[in-house]
Amino acid sequence: MALPKRPRHYAAEILELATLEERRAAFEKVPAALKPRVEEYVRNEWAQRPFRKPRR
């Protein structure tokens, strides 16, 4: 039996996508009950990206 995805998993998948259209389409597939949390994770990550050190 497969376990349901957690909000962080949805957010991670959305953050990997290249275009805004792809990200919006993926966000529309998130269950309604999880959308606020997923949106929070995605917005937080985008806000922190300029301050992160690049990975080697």
C-alpha atoms as a PDB file:
ATOM      1  CA  MET A   1       0.000   0.000   0.000  1.00  0.00           C
ATOM      2  CA  ALA A   2       1.429   3.358  -1.024  1.00  0.00           C
ATOM      3  CA  LEU A   3       1.428   6.076   1.579  1.00  0.00           C
ATOM      4  CA  PRO A   4      -0.066   9.445   0.639  1.00  0.00           C
ATOM      5  CA  LYS A   5       2.376  12.203  -0.213  1.00  0.00           C
ATOM      6  CA  ARG A   6       3.209  14.779   2.403  1.00  0.00           C
ATOM      7  CA  PRO A   7       3.023  18.524   1.647  1.00  0.00           C
ATOM      8  CA  ARG A   8       6.818  18.749   1.523  1.00  0.00           C
ATOM      9  CA  HIS A   9       6.915  16.114  -1.211  1.00  0.00           C
ATOM     10  CA  TYR A  10       4.490  18.093  -3.345  1.00  0.00           C
ATOM     11  CA  ALA A  11       6.508  21.271  -2.724  1.00  0.00           C
ATOM     12  CA  ALA A  12       9.779  19.550  -3.657  1.00  0.00           C
ATOM     13  CA  GLU A  13       8.283  18.323  -6.925  1.00  0.00           C
ATOM     14  CA  ILE A  14       6.964  21.798  -7.738  1.00  0.00           C
ATOM     15  CA  LEU A  15      10.311  23.432  -6.980  1.00  0.00           C
ATOM     16  CA  GLU A  16      12.114  21.095  -9.401  1.00  0.00           C
ATOM     17  CA  LEU A  17      10.026  22.283 -12.364  1.00  0.00           C
ATOM     18  CA  ALA A  18      11.560  24.772 -14.780  1.00  0.00           C
ATOM     19  CA  THR A  19       8.706  27.003 -15.882  1.00  0.00           C
ATOM     20  CA  LEU A  20       5.985  28.913 -14.098  1.00  0.00           C
ATOM     21  CA  GLU A  21       3.321  27.199 -16.178  1.00  0.00           C
ATOM     22  CA  GLU A  22       4.600  23.766 -15.132  1.00  0.00           C
ATOM     23  CA  ARG A  23       4.685  24.811 -11.480  1.00  0.00           C
ATOM     24  CA  ARG A  24       1.136  26.180 -11.634  1.00  0.00           C
ATOM     25  CA  ALA A  25      -0.134  23.006 -13.308  1.00  0.00           C
ATOM     26  CA  ALA A  26       1.536  20.857 -10.640  1.00  0.00           C
ATOM     27  CA  PHE A  27       0.092  23.029  -7.863  1.00  0.00           C
ATOM     28  CA  GLU A  28      -3.411  22.534  -9.282  1.00  0.00           C
ATOM     29  CA  LYS A  29      -2.979  18.766  -8.823  1.00  0.00           C
ATOM     30  CA  VAL A  30      -2.295  19.137  -5.081  1.00  0.00           C
ATOM     31  CA  PRO A  31      -5.268  18.104  -2.903  1.00  0.00           C
ATOM     32  CA  ALA A  32      -7.223  21.133  -1.644  1.00  0.00           C
ATOM     33  CA  ALA A  33      -6.585  20.287   2.010  1.00  0.00           C
ATOM     34  CA  LEU A  34      -2.809  20.443   1.456  1.00  0.00           C
ATOM     35  CA  LYS A  35      -2.599  23.493  -0.829  1.00  0.00           C
ATOM     36  CA  PRO A  36      -2.059  26.140   1.881  1.00  0.00           C
ATOM     37  CA  ARG A  37       0.844  24.204   3.410  1.00  0.00           C
ATOM     38  CA  VAL A  38       2.405  23.405   0.020  1.00  0.00           C
ATOM     39  CA  GLU A  39       2.124  27.055  -1.010  1.00  0.00           C
ATOM     40  CA  GLU A  40       3.810  28.091   2.245  1.00  0.00           C
ATOM     41  CA  TYR A  41       6.736  25.718   1.647  1.00  0.00           C
ATOM     42  CA  VAL A  42       7.193  26.855  -1.960  1.00  0.00           C
ATOM     43  CA  ARG A  43       7.029  30.555  -1.070  1.00  0.00           C
ATOM     44  CA  ASN A  44       9.512  30.089   1.778  1.00  0.00           C
ATOM     45  CA  GLU A  45      11.964  28.290  -0.477  1.00  0.00           C
ATOM     46  CA  TRP A  46      11.747  30.962  -3.182  1.00  0.00           C
ATOM     47  CA  ALA A  47      12.290  33.669  -0.550  1.00  0.00           C
ATOM     48  CA  GLN A  48      15.422  31.922   0.773  1.00  0.00           C
ATOM     49  CA  ARG A  49      17.042  31.013  -2.551  1.00  0.00           C
ATOM     50  CA  PRO A  50      18.986  34.286  -3.029  1.00  0.00           C
ATOM     51  CA  PHE A  51      20.653  33.767   0.351  1.00  0.00           C
ATOM     52  CA  ARG A  52      21.655  30.120  -0.064  1.00  0.00           C
ATOM     53  CA  LYS A  53      25.200  29.170  -0.931  1.00  0.00           C
ATOM     54  CA  PRO A  54      25.514  27.292  -4.220  1.00  0.00           C
ATOM     55  CA  ARG A  55      26.065  23.556  -3.868  1.00  0.00           C
ATOM     56  CA  ARG A  56      29.261  22.076  -5.199  1.00  0.00           C
END
